[in-house]
Amino acid sequence: MAHSISAKKRVRQNLRRKTLNRARRSQVKTQIKRFEATLSEGDAATADEQLRALVKKLDKVGTTSAMHKKTAARKKSRLAGKLNMLKARQAAGPQTK
């Protein structure tokens, strides 16, 4: 248990930051799930819009203490790669045997 005034204040700040960081990470996870659901449906146009919004959110969260900026960059890269694979599959057209 914190005894000094500054230690008590630090506990309050940590709780506040923990709550904010958890909410930010949760928002990112929710947007990633929506994006991946759209990818599985095969809707490239909607997925492209969602990726733009997701990249914006990742950039904002990457500048805070909620997520390291290289973690955000890695997530953006992997998600963009998934979208590019979907677009490539759609451009190739249906495969006939």
PDB file of N, CA and C in Angstrom:
ATOM      1  N   MET A   1       0.845  -1.179   0.000  1.00  0.00           N
ATOM      2  CA  MET A   1       0.000   0.000   0.000  1.00  0.00           C
ATOM      3  C   MET A   1       0.885   1.235   0.000  1.00  0.00           C
ATOM      4  N   ALA A   2       0.528   2.197  -0.827  1.00  0.00           N
ATOM      5  CA  ALA A   2       1.297   3.432  -0.910  1.00  0.00           C
ATOM      6  C   ALA A   2       1.077   4.278   0.341  1.00  0.00           C
ATOM      7  N   HIS A   3       2.166   4.865   0.835  1.00  0.00           N
ATOM      8  CA  HIS A   3       2.072   5.664   2.050  1.00  0.00           C
ATOM      9  C   HIS A   3       2.244   7.152   1.773  1.00  0.00           C
ATOM     10  N   SER A   4       3.172   7.502   0.897  1.00  0.00           N
ATOM     11  CA  SER A   4       3.409   8.921   0.646  1.00  0.00           C
ATOM     12  C   SER A   4       2.349   9.480  -0.306  1.00  0.00           C
ATOM     13  N   ILE A   5       2.221  10.771  -0.278  1.00  0.00           N
ATOM     14  CA  ILE A   5       1.228  11.438  -1.122  1.00  0.00           C
ATOM     15  C   ILE A   5       1.536  11.205  -2.594  1.00  0.00           C
ATOM     16  N   SER A   6       2.812  11.294  -2.963  1.00  0.00           N
ATOM     17  CA  SER A   6       3.179  11.109  -4.377  1.00  0.00           C
ATOM     18  C   SER A   6       2.943   9.670  -4.832  1.00  0.00           C
ATOM     19  N   ALA A   7       3.156   8.710  -3.942  1.00  0.00           N
ATOM     20  CA  ALA A   7       2.904   7.314  -4.292  1.00  0.00           C
ATOM     21  C   ALA A   7       1.407   7.060  -4.464  1.00  0.00           C
ATOM     22  N   LYS A   8       0.602   7.690  -3.641  1.00  0.00           N
ATOM     23  CA  LYS A   8      -0.856   7.549  -3.778  1.00  0.00           C
ATOM     24  C   LYS A   8      -1.334   8.157  -5.090  1.00  0.00           C
ATOM     25  N   LYS A   9      -0.762   9.306  -5.430  1.00  0.00           N
ATOM     26  CA  LYS A   9      -1.114   9.945  -6.699  1.00  0.00           C
ATOM     27  C   LYS A   9      -0.698   9.054  -7.864  1.00  0.00           C
ATOM     28  N   ARG A  10       0.472   8.447  -7.778  1.00  0.00           N
ATOM     29  CA  ARG A  10       0.962   7.567  -8.834  1.00  0.00           C
ATOM     30  C   ARG A  10       0.028   6.368  -9.021  1.00  0.00           C
ATOM     31  N   VAL A  11      -0.504   5.842  -7.936  1.00  0.00           N
ATOM     32  CA  VAL A  11      -1.456   4.730  -8.022  1.00  0.00           C
ATOM     33  C   VAL A  11      -2.709   5.168  -8.777  1.00  0.00           C
ATOM     34  N   ARG A  12      -3.208   6.381  -8.462  1.00  0.00           N
ATOM     35  CA  ARG A  12      -4.389   6.900  -9.163  1.00  0.00           C
ATOM     36  C   ARG A  12      -4.100   7.080 -10.651  1.00  0.00           C
ATOM     37  N   GLN A  13      -2.931   7.633 -10.974  1.00  0.00           N
ATOM     38  CA  GLN A  13      -2.575   7.845 -12.382  1.00  0.00           C
ATOM     39  C   GLN A  13      -2.461   6.519 -13.124  1.00  0.00           C
ATOM     40  N   ASN A  14      -1.849   5.535 -12.491  1.00  0.00           N
ATOM     41  CA  ASN A  14      -1.681   4.234 -13.130  1.00  0.00           C
ATOM     42  C   ASN A  14      -3.030   3.584 -13.422  1.00  0.00           C
ATOM     43  N   LEU A  15      -3.975   3.703 -12.498  1.00  0.00           N
ATOM     44  CA  LEU A  15      -5.308   3.148 -12.729  1.00  0.00           C
ATOM     45  C   LEU A  15      -5.988   3.823 -13.917  1.00  0.00           C
ATOM     46  N   ARG A  16      -5.879   5.150 -13.974  1.00  0.00           N
ATOM     47  CA  ARG A  16      -6.493   5.908 -15.061  1.00  0.00           C
ATOM     48  C   ARG A  16      -5.873   5.509 -16.399  1.00  0.00           C
ATOM     49  N   ARG A  17      -4.547   5.428 -16.445  1.00  0.00           N
ATOM     50  CA  ARG A  17      -3.858   5.080 -17.688  1.00  0.00           C
ATOM     51  C   ARG A  17      -4.146   3.641 -18.101  1.00  0.00           C
ATOM     52  N   LYS A  18      -4.210   2.750 -17.110  1.00  0.00           N
ATOM     53  CA  LYS A  18      -4.509   1.346 -17.398  1.00  0.00           C
ATOM     54  C   LYS A  18      -5.876   1.217 -18.066  1.00  0.00           C
ATOM     55  N   THR A  19      -6.849   1.962 -17.557  1.00  0.00           N
ATOM     56  CA  THR A  19      -8.194   1.924 -18.115  1.00  0.00           C
ATOM     57  C   THR A  19      -8.214   2.443 -19.545  1.00  0.00           C
ATOM     58  N   LEU A  20      -7.543   3.571 -19.773  1.00  0.00           N
ATOM     59  CA  LEU A  20      -7.492   4.144 -21.118  1.00  0.00           C
ATOM     60  C   LEU A  20      -6.777   3.221 -22.092  1.00  0.00           C
ATOM     61  N   ASN A  21      -5.646   2.673 -21.668  1.00  0.00           N
ATOM     62  CA  ASN A  21      -4.874   1.798 -22.548  1.00  0.00           C
ATOM     63  C   ASN A  21      -5.659   0.544 -22.903  1.00  0.00           C
ATOM     64  N   ARG A  22      -6.339  -0.011 -21.918  1.00  0.00           N
ATOM     65  CA  ARG A  22      -7.133  -1.218 -22.160  1.00  0.00           C
ATOM     66  C   ARG A  22      -8.259  -0.924 -23.147  1.00  0.00           C
ATOM     67  N   ALA A  23      -8.902   0.236 -23.004  1.00  0.00           N
ATOM     68  CA  ALA A  23      -9.983   0.621 -23.916  1.00  0.00           C
ATOM     69  C   ALA A  23      -9.448   0.819 -25.334  1.00  0.00           C
ATOM     70  N   ARG A  24      -8.296   1.455 -25.454  1.00  0.00           N
ATOM     71  CA  ARG A  24      -7.714   1.681 -26.783  1.00  0.00           C
ATOM     72  C   ARG A  24      -7.358   0.367 -27.466  1.00  0.00           C
ATOM     73  N   ARG A  25      -6.731  -0.548 -26.722  1.00  0.00           N
ATOM     74  CA  ARG A  25      -6.376  -1.845 -27.299  1.00  0.00           C
ATOM     75  C   ARG A  25      -7.622  -2.635 -27.683  1.00  0.00           C
ATOM     76  N   SER A  26      -8.667  -2.514 -26.880  1.00  0.00           N
ATOM     77  CA  SER A  26      -9.921  -3.204 -27.169  1.00  0.00           C
ATOM     78  C   SER A  26     -10.546  -2.672 -28.461  1.00  0.00           C
ATOM     79  N   GLN A  27     -10.500  -1.358 -28.658  1.00  0.00           N
ATOM     80  CA  GLN A  27     -11.045  -0.766 -29.879  1.00  0.00           C
ATOM     81  C   GLN A  27     -10.294  -1.268 -31.105  1.00  0.00           C
ATOM     82  N   VAL A  28      -8.981  -1.361 -30.990  1.00  0.00           N
ATOM     83  CA  VAL A  28      -8.168  -1.855 -32.103  1.00  0.00           C
ATOM     84  C   VAL A  28      -8.520  -3.308 -32.405  1.00  0.00           C
ATOM     85  N   LYS A  29      -8.632  -4.128 -31.374  1.00  0.00           N
ATOM     86  CA  LYS A  29      -8.967  -5.540 -31.569  1.00  0.00           C
ATOM     87  C   LYS A  29     -10.332  -5.693 -32.235  1.00  0.00           C
ATOM     88  N   THR A  30     -11.298  -4.868 -31.829  1.00  0.00           N
ATOM     89  CA  THR A  30     -12.635  -4.925 -32.408  1.00  0.00           C
ATOM     90  C   THR A  30     -12.585  -4.563 -33.884  1.00  0.00           C
ATOM     91  N   GLN A  31     -11.839  -3.520 -34.229  1.00  0.00           N
ATOM     92  CA  GLN A  31     -11.742  -3.122 -35.629  1.00  0.00           C
ATOM     93  C   GLN A  31     -11.030  -4.181 -36.458  1.00  0.00           C
ATOM     94  N   ILE A  32     -10.034  -4.834 -35.883  1.00  0.00           N
ATOM     95  CA  ILE A  32      -9.327  -5.901 -36.597  1.00  0.00           C
ATOM     96  C   ILE A  32     -10.287  -7.061 -36.866  1.00  0.00           C
ATOM     97  N   LYS A  33     -11.113  -7.411 -35.890  1.00  0.00           N
ATOM     98  CA  LYS A  33     -12.076  -8.497 -36.082  1.00  0.00           C
ATOM     99  C   LYS A  33     -13.069  -8.154 -37.185  1.00  0.00           C
ATOM    100  N   ARG A  34     -13.548  -6.919 -37.218  1.00  0.00           N
ATOM    101  CA  ARG A  34     -14.470  -6.494 -38.278  1.00  0.00           C
ATOM    102  C   ARG A  34     -13.793  -6.567 -39.641  1.00  0.00           C
ATOM    103  N   PHE A  35     -12.551  -6.116 -39.703  1.00  0.00           N
ATOM    104  CA  PHE A  35     -11.799  -6.133 -40.956  1.00  0.00           C
ATOM    105  C   PHE A  35     -11.615  -7.557 -41.453  1.00  0.00           C
ATOM    106  N   GLU A  36     -11.226  -8.461 -40.555  1.00  0.00           N
ATOM    107  CA  GLU A  36     -10.997  -9.850 -40.957  1.00  0.00           C
ATOM    108  C   GLU A  36     -12.308 -10.534 -41.345  1.00  0.00           C
ATOM    109  N   ALA A  37     -13.419 -10.161 -40.717  1.00  0.00           N
ATOM    110  CA  ALA A  37     -14.720 -10.711 -41.108  1.00  0.00           C
ATOM    111  C   ALA A  37     -15.072 -10.261 -42.523  1.00  0.00           C
ATOM    112  N   THR A  38     -14.792  -9.006 -42.836  1.00  0.00           N
ATOM    113  CA  THR A  38     -15.048  -8.496 -44.178  1.00  0.00           C
ATOM    114  C   THR A  38     -14.159  -9.199 -45.192  1.00  0.00           C
ATOM    115  N   LEU A  39     -12.912  -9.465 -44.811  1.00  0.00           N
ATOM    116  CA  LEU A  39     -12.008 -10.191 -45.711  1.00  0.00           C
ATOM    117  C   LEU A  39     -12.543 -11.589 -46.000  1.00  0.00           C
ATOM    118  N   SER A  40     -13.044 -12.260 -44.976  1.00  0.00           N
ATOM    119  CA  SER A  40     -13.534 -13.621 -45.166  1.00  0.00           C
ATOM    120  C   SER A  40     -14.777 -13.644 -46.056  1.00  0.00           C
ATOM    121  N   GLU A  41     -15.543 -12.548 -46.062  1.00  0.00           N
ATOM    122  CA  GLU A  41     -16.696 -12.444 -46.958  1.00  0.00           C
ATOM    123  C   GLU A  41     -16.249 -12.192 -48.391  1.00  0.00           C
ATOM    124  N   GLY A  42     -15.032 -11.680 -48.566  1.00  0.00           N
ATOM    125  CA  GLY A  42     -14.512 -11.421 -49.902  1.00  0.00           C
ATOM    126  C   GLY A  42     -14.861 -10.056 -50.454  1.00  0.00           C
ATOM    127  N   ASP A  43     -15.244  -9.132 -49.593  1.00  0.00           N
ATOM    128  CA  ASP A  43     -15.616  -7.783 -50.022  1.00  0.00           C
ATOM    129  C   ASP A  43     -14.397  -6.869 -49.935  1.00  0.00           C
ATOM    130  N   ALA A  44     -13.685  -6.718 -51.052  1.00  0.00           N
ATOM    131  CA  ALA A  44     -12.429  -5.965 -51.049  1.00  0.00           C
ATOM    132  C   ALA A  44     -12.660  -4.466 -50.881  1.00  0.00           C
ATOM    133  N   ALA A  45     -13.729  -3.936 -51.453  1.00  0.00           N
ATOM    134  CA  ALA A  45     -13.973  -2.493 -51.383  1.00  0.00           C
ATOM    135  C   ALA A  45     -14.240  -2.059 -49.937  1.00  0.00           C
ATOM    136  N   THR A  46     -15.099  -2.789 -49.253  1.00  0.00           N
ATOM    137  CA  THR A  46     -15.398  -2.460 -47.856  1.00  0.00           C
ATOM    138  C   THR A  46     -14.178  -2.692 -46.980  1.00  0.00           C
ATOM    139  N   ALA A  47     -13.444  -3.767 -47.268  1.00  0.00           N
ATOM    140  CA  ALA A  47     -12.239  -4.067 -46.495  1.00  0.00           C
ATOM    141  C   ALA A  47     -11.208  -2.959 -46.662  1.00  0.00           C
ATOM    142  N   ASP A  48     -11.130  -2.382 -47.860  1.00  0.00           N
ATOM    143  CA  ASP A  48     -10.189  -1.290 -48.108  1.00  0.00           C
ATOM    144  C   ASP A  48     -10.531  -0.074 -47.248  1.00  0.00           C
ATOM    145  N   GLU A  49     -11.820   0.254 -47.163  1.00  0.00           N
ATOM    146  CA  GLU A  49     -12.254   1.377 -46.318  1.00  0.00           C
ATOM    147  C   GLU A  49     -11.961   1.093 -44.849  1.00  0.00           C
ATOM    148  N   GLN A  50     -12.238  -0.139 -44.436  1.00  0.00           N
ATOM    149  CA  GLN A  50     -12.001  -0.498 -43.041  1.00  0.00           C
ATOM    150  C   GLN A  50     -10.515  -0.472 -42.717  1.00  0.00           C
ATOM    151  N   LEU A  51      -9.680  -0.860 -43.673  1.00  0.00           N
ATOM    152  CA  LEU A  51      -8.234  -0.837 -43.434  1.00  0.00           C
ATOM    153  C   LEU A  51      -7.752   0.597 -43.226  1.00  0.00           C
ATOM    154  N   ARG A  52      -8.288   1.525 -43.998  1.00  0.00           N
ATOM    155  CA  ARG A  52      -7.900   2.934 -43.823  1.00  0.00           C
ATOM    156  C   ARG A  52      -8.238   3.415 -42.418  1.00  0.00           C
ATOM    157  N   ALA A  53      -9.441   3.096 -41.959  1.00  0.00           N
ATOM    158  CA  ALA A  53      -9.857   3.505 -40.606  1.00  0.00           C
ATOM    159  C   ALA A  53      -8.999   2.807 -39.557  1.00  0.00           C
ATOM    160  N   LEU A  54      -8.682   1.549 -39.806  1.00  0.00           N
ATOM    161  CA  LEU A  54      -7.875   0.771 -38.862  1.00  0.00           C
ATOM    162  C   LEU A  54      -6.454   1.306 -38.786  1.00  0.00           C
ATOM    163  N   VAL A  55      -5.893   1.691 -39.922  1.00  0.00           N
ATOM    164  CA  VAL A  55      -4.537   2.252 -39.944  1.00  0.00           C
ATOM    165  C   VAL A  55      -4.507   3.563 -39.167  1.00  0.00           C
ATOM    166  N   LYS A  56      -5.548   4.359 -39.339  1.00  0.00           N
ATOM    167  CA  LYS A  56      -5.628   5.624 -38.601  1.00  0.00           C
ATOM    168  C   LYS A  56      -5.656   5.367 -37.094  1.00  0.00           C
ATOM    169  N   LYS A  57      -6.468   4.386 -36.688  1.00  0.00           N
ATOM    170  CA  LYS A  57      -6.581   4.051 -35.261  1.00  0.00           C
ATOM    171  C   LYS A  57      -5.252   3.498 -34.742  1.00  0.00           C
ATOM    172  N   LEU A  58      -4.602   2.623 -35.524  1.00  0.00           N
ATOM    173  CA  LEU A  58      -3.322   2.064 -35.093  1.00  0.00           C
ATOM    174  C   LEU A  58      -2.255   3.143 -34.968  1.00  0.00           C
ATOM    175  N   ASP A  59      -2.262   4.109 -35.872  1.00  0.00           N
ATOM    176  CA  ASP A  59      -1.295   5.204 -35.780  1.00  0.00           C
ATOM    177  C   ASP A  59      -1.509   6.016 -34.502  1.00  0.00           C
ATOM    178  N   LYS A  60      -2.772   6.267 -34.174  1.00  0.00           N
ATOM    179  CA  LYS A  60      -3.059   7.028 -32.957  1.00  0.00           C
ATOM    180  C   LYS A  60      -2.660   6.244 -31.709  1.00  0.00           C
ATOM    181  N   VAL A  61      -3.005   4.960 -31.686  1.00  0.00           N
ATOM    182  CA  VAL A  61      -2.699   4.141 -30.517  1.00  0.00           C
ATOM    183  C   VAL A  61      -1.194   3.899 -30.418  1.00  0.00           C
ATOM    184  N   GLY A  62      -0.517   3.839 -31.560  1.00  0.00           N
ATOM    185  CA  GLY A  62       0.928   3.614 -31.568  1.00  0.00           C
ATOM    186  C   GLY A  62       1.728   4.779 -31.011  1.00  0.00           C
ATOM    187  N   THR A  63       1.127   5.952 -30.965  1.00  0.00           N
ATOM    188  CA  THR A  63       1.834   7.105 -30.406  1.00  0.00           C
ATOM    189  C   THR A  63       1.638   7.212 -28.898  1.00  0.00           C
ATOM    190  N   THR A  64       0.738   6.395 -28.346  1.00  0.00           N
ATOM    191  CA  THR A  64       0.490   6.429 -26.909  1.00  0.00           C
ATOM    192  C   THR A  64       1.224   5.275 -26.237  1.00  0.00           C
ATOM    193  N   SER A  65       1.021   5.149 -24.953  1.00  0.00           N
ATOM    194  CA  SER A  65       1.664   4.055 -24.223  1.00  0.00           C
ATOM    195  C   SER A  65       0.859   2.770 -24.325  1.00  0.00           C
ATOM    196  N   ALA A  66      -0.276   2.807 -25.019  1.00  0.00           N
ATOM    197  CA  ALA A  66      -1.123   1.621 -25.129  1.00  0.00           C
ATOM    198  C   ALA A  66      -0.489   0.552 -26.007  1.00  0.00           C
ATOM    199  N   MET A  67       0.287   0.988 -27.005  1.00  0.00           N
ATOM    200  CA  MET A  67       0.892   0.046 -27.935  1.00  0.00           C
ATOM    201  C   MET A  67       2.179   0.655 -28.474  1.00  0.00           C
ATOM    202  N   HIS A  68       3.199  -0.161 -28.604  1.00  0.00           N
ATOM    203  CA  HIS A  68       4.465   0.312 -29.153  1.00  0.00           C
ATOM    204  C   HIS A  68       4.278   0.623 -30.634  1.00  0.00           C
ATOM    205  N   LYS A  69       4.985   1.616 -31.140  1.00  0.00           N
ATOM    206  CA  LYS A  69       4.762   2.020 -32.528  1.00  0.00           C
ATOM    207  C   LYS A  69       5.192   0.940 -33.519  1.00  0.00           C
ATOM    208  N   LYS A  70       6.179   0.134 -33.156  1.00  0.00           N
ATOM    209  CA  LYS A  70       6.580  -0.949 -34.069  1.00  0.00           C
ATOM    210  C   LYS A  70       5.562  -2.086 -34.058  1.00  0.00           C
ATOM    211  N   THR A  71       4.886  -2.280 -32.951  1.00  0.00           N
ATOM    212  CA  THR A  71       3.799  -3.265 -32.898  1.00  0.00           C
ATOM    213  C   THR A  71       2.661  -2.817 -33.807  1.00  0.00           C
ATOM    214  N   ALA A  72       2.342  -1.526 -33.749  1.00  0.00           N
ATOM    215  CA  ALA A  72       1.286  -0.986 -34.604  1.00  0.00           C
ATOM    216  C   ALA A  72       1.684  -1.116 -36.074  1.00  0.00           C
ATOM    217  N   ALA A  73       2.940  -0.836 -36.395  1.00  0.00           N
ATOM    218  CA  ALA A  73       3.421  -0.945 -37.769  1.00  0.00           C
ATOM    219  C   ALA A  73       3.362  -2.390 -38.261  1.00  0.00           C
ATOM    220  N   ARG A  74       3.707  -3.321 -37.392  1.00  0.00           N
ATOM    221  CA  ARG A  74       3.669  -4.739 -37.763  1.00  0.00           C
ATOM    222  C   ARG A  74       2.237  -5.184 -38.047  1.00  0.00           C
ATOM    223  N   LYS A  75       1.303  -4.744 -37.219  1.00  0.00           N
ATOM    224  CA  LYS A  75      -0.098  -5.098 -37.432  1.00  0.00           C
ATOM    225  C   LYS A  75      -0.607  -4.501 -38.747  1.00  0.00           C
ATOM    226  N   LYS A  76      -0.275  -3.235 -39.014  1.00  0.00           N
ATOM    227  CA  LYS A  76      -0.697  -2.593 -40.259  1.00  0.00           C
ATOM    228  C   LYS A  76      -0.165  -3.353 -41.467  1.00  0.00           C
ATOM    229  N   SER A  77       1.098  -3.746 -41.403  1.00  0.00           N
ATOM    230  CA  SER A  77       1.718  -4.451 -42.519  1.00  0.00           C
ATOM    231  C   SER A  77       1.042  -5.788 -42.774  1.00  0.00           C
ATOM    232  N   ARG A  78       0.791  -6.545 -41.739  1.00  0.00           N
ATOM    233  CA  ARG A  78       0.171  -7.864 -41.899  1.00  0.00           C
ATOM    234  C   ARG A  78      -1.249  -7.757 -42.422  1.00  0.00           C
ATOM    235  N   LEU A  79      -2.000  -6.769 -41.940  1.00  0.00           N
ATOM    236  CA  LEU A  79      -3.372  -6.600 -42.401  1.00  0.00           C
ATOM    237  C   LEU A  79      -3.417  -6.120 -43.848  1.00  0.00           C
ATOM    238  N   ALA A  80      -2.488  -5.244 -44.217  1.00  0.00           N
ATOM    239  CA  ALA A  80      -2.421  -4.786 -45.609  1.00  0.00           C
ATOM    240  C   ALA A  80      -2.050  -5.949 -46.523  1.00  0.00           C
ATOM    241  N   GLY A  81      -1.183  -6.827 -46.060  1.00  0.00           N
ATOM    242  CA  GLY A  81      -0.816  -8.004 -46.842  1.00  0.00           C
ATOM    243  C   GLY A  81      -2.008  -8.916 -47.073  1.00  0.00           C
ATOM    244  N   LYS A  82      -2.840  -9.082 -46.057  1.00  0.00           N
ATOM    245  CA  LYS A  82      -4.043  -9.908 -46.210  1.00  0.00           C
ATOM    246  C   LYS A  82      -4.990  -9.308 -47.242  1.00  0.00           C
ATOM    247  N   LEU A  83      -5.150  -7.983 -47.203  1.00  0.00           N
ATOM    248  CA  LEU A  83      -6.016  -7.321 -48.172  1.00  0.00           C
ATOM    249  C   LEU A  83      -5.445  -7.465 -49.577  1.00  0.00           C
ATOM    250  N   ASN A  84      -4.141  -7.314 -49.721  1.00  0.00           N
ATOM    251  CA  ASN A  84      -3.514  -7.454 -51.034  1.00  0.00           C
ATOM    252  C   ASN A  84      -3.670  -8.866 -51.584  1.00  0.00           C
ATOM    253  N   MET A  85      -3.614  -9.864 -50.710  1.00  0.00           N
ATOM    254  CA  MET A  85      -3.820 -11.245 -51.154  1.00  0.00           C
ATOM    255  C   MET A  85      -5.247 -11.439 -51.662  1.00  0.00           C
ATOM    256  N   LEU A  86      -6.218 -10.854 -50.971  1.00  0.00           N
ATOM    257  CA  LEU A  86      -7.613 -10.950 -51.408  1.00  0.00           C
ATOM    258  C   LEU A  86      -7.785 -10.295 -52.772  1.00  0.00           C
ATOM    259  N   LYS A  87      -7.195  -9.112 -52.941  1.00  0.00           N
ATOM    260  CA  LYS A  87      -7.299  -8.415 -54.223  1.00  0.00           C
ATOM    261  C   LYS A  87      -6.632  -9.216 -55.342  1.00  0.00           C
ATOM    262  N   ALA A  88      -5.501  -9.842 -55.050  1.00  0.00           N
ATOM    263  CA  ALA A  88      -4.800 -10.643 -56.056  1.00  0.00           C
ATOM    264  C   ALA A  88      -5.634 -11.861 -56.457  1.00  0.00           C
ATOM    265  N   ARG A  89      -6.274 -12.492 -55.467  1.00  0.00           N
ATOM    266  CA  ARG A  89      -7.128 -13.649 -55.768  1.00  0.00           C
ATOM    267  C   ARG A  89      -8.318 -13.238 -56.625  1.00  0.00           C
ATOM    268  N   GLN A  90      -8.898 -12.060 -56.328  1.00  0.00           N
ATOM    269  CA  GLN A  90     -10.039 -11.596 -57.110  1.00  0.00           C
ATOM    270  C   GLN A  90      -9.614 -11.194 -58.513  1.00  0.00           C
ATOM    271  N   ALA A  91      -8.402 -10.651 -58.645  1.00  0.00           N
ATOM    272  CA  ALA A  91      -7.912 -10.257 -59.964  1.00  0.00           C
ATOM    273  C   ALA A  91      -7.617 -11.467 -60.820  1.00  0.00           C
ATOM    274  N   ALA A  92      -7.183 -12.554 -60.205  1.00  0.00           N
ATOM    275  CA  ALA A  92      -6.878 -13.777 -60.944  1.00  0.00           C
ATOM    276  C   ALA A  92      -8.155 -14.409 -61.469  1.00  0.00           C
ATOM    277  N   GLY A  93      -9.255 -14.134 -60.847  1.00  0.00           N
ATOM    278  CA  GLY A  93     -10.525 -14.684 -61.294  1.00  0.00           C
ATOM    279  C   GLY A  93     -10.740 -16.089 -60.790  1.00  0.00           C
ATOM    280  N   PRO A  94     -11.879 -16.667 -61.148  1.00  0.00           N
ATOM    281  CA  PRO A  94     -12.160 -18.029 -60.693  1.00  0.00           C
ATOM    282  C   PRO A  94     -11.240 -19.042 -61.367  1.00  0.00           C
ATOM    283  N   GLN A  95     -10.789 -19.969 -60.591  1.00  0.00           N
ATOM    284  CA  GLN A  95      -9.892 -21.016 -61.095  1.00  0.00           C
ATOM    285  C   GLN A  95     -10.738 -22.124 -61.706  1.00  0.00           C
ATOM    286  N   THR A  96     -10.403 -22.521 -62.925  1.00  0.00           N
ATOM    287  CA  THR A  96     -11.093 -23.644 -63.556  1.00  0.00           C
ATOM    288  C   THR A  96     -10.159 -24.794 -63.708  1.00  0.00           C
ATOM    289  N   LYS A  97     -10.688 -26.001 -63.548  1.00  0.00           N
ATOM    290  CA  LYS A  97      -9.851 -27.189 -63.661  1.00  0.00           C
ATOM    291  C   LYS A  97     -10.120 -27.923 -64.938  1.00  0.00           C
TER     292      LYS A  97
END
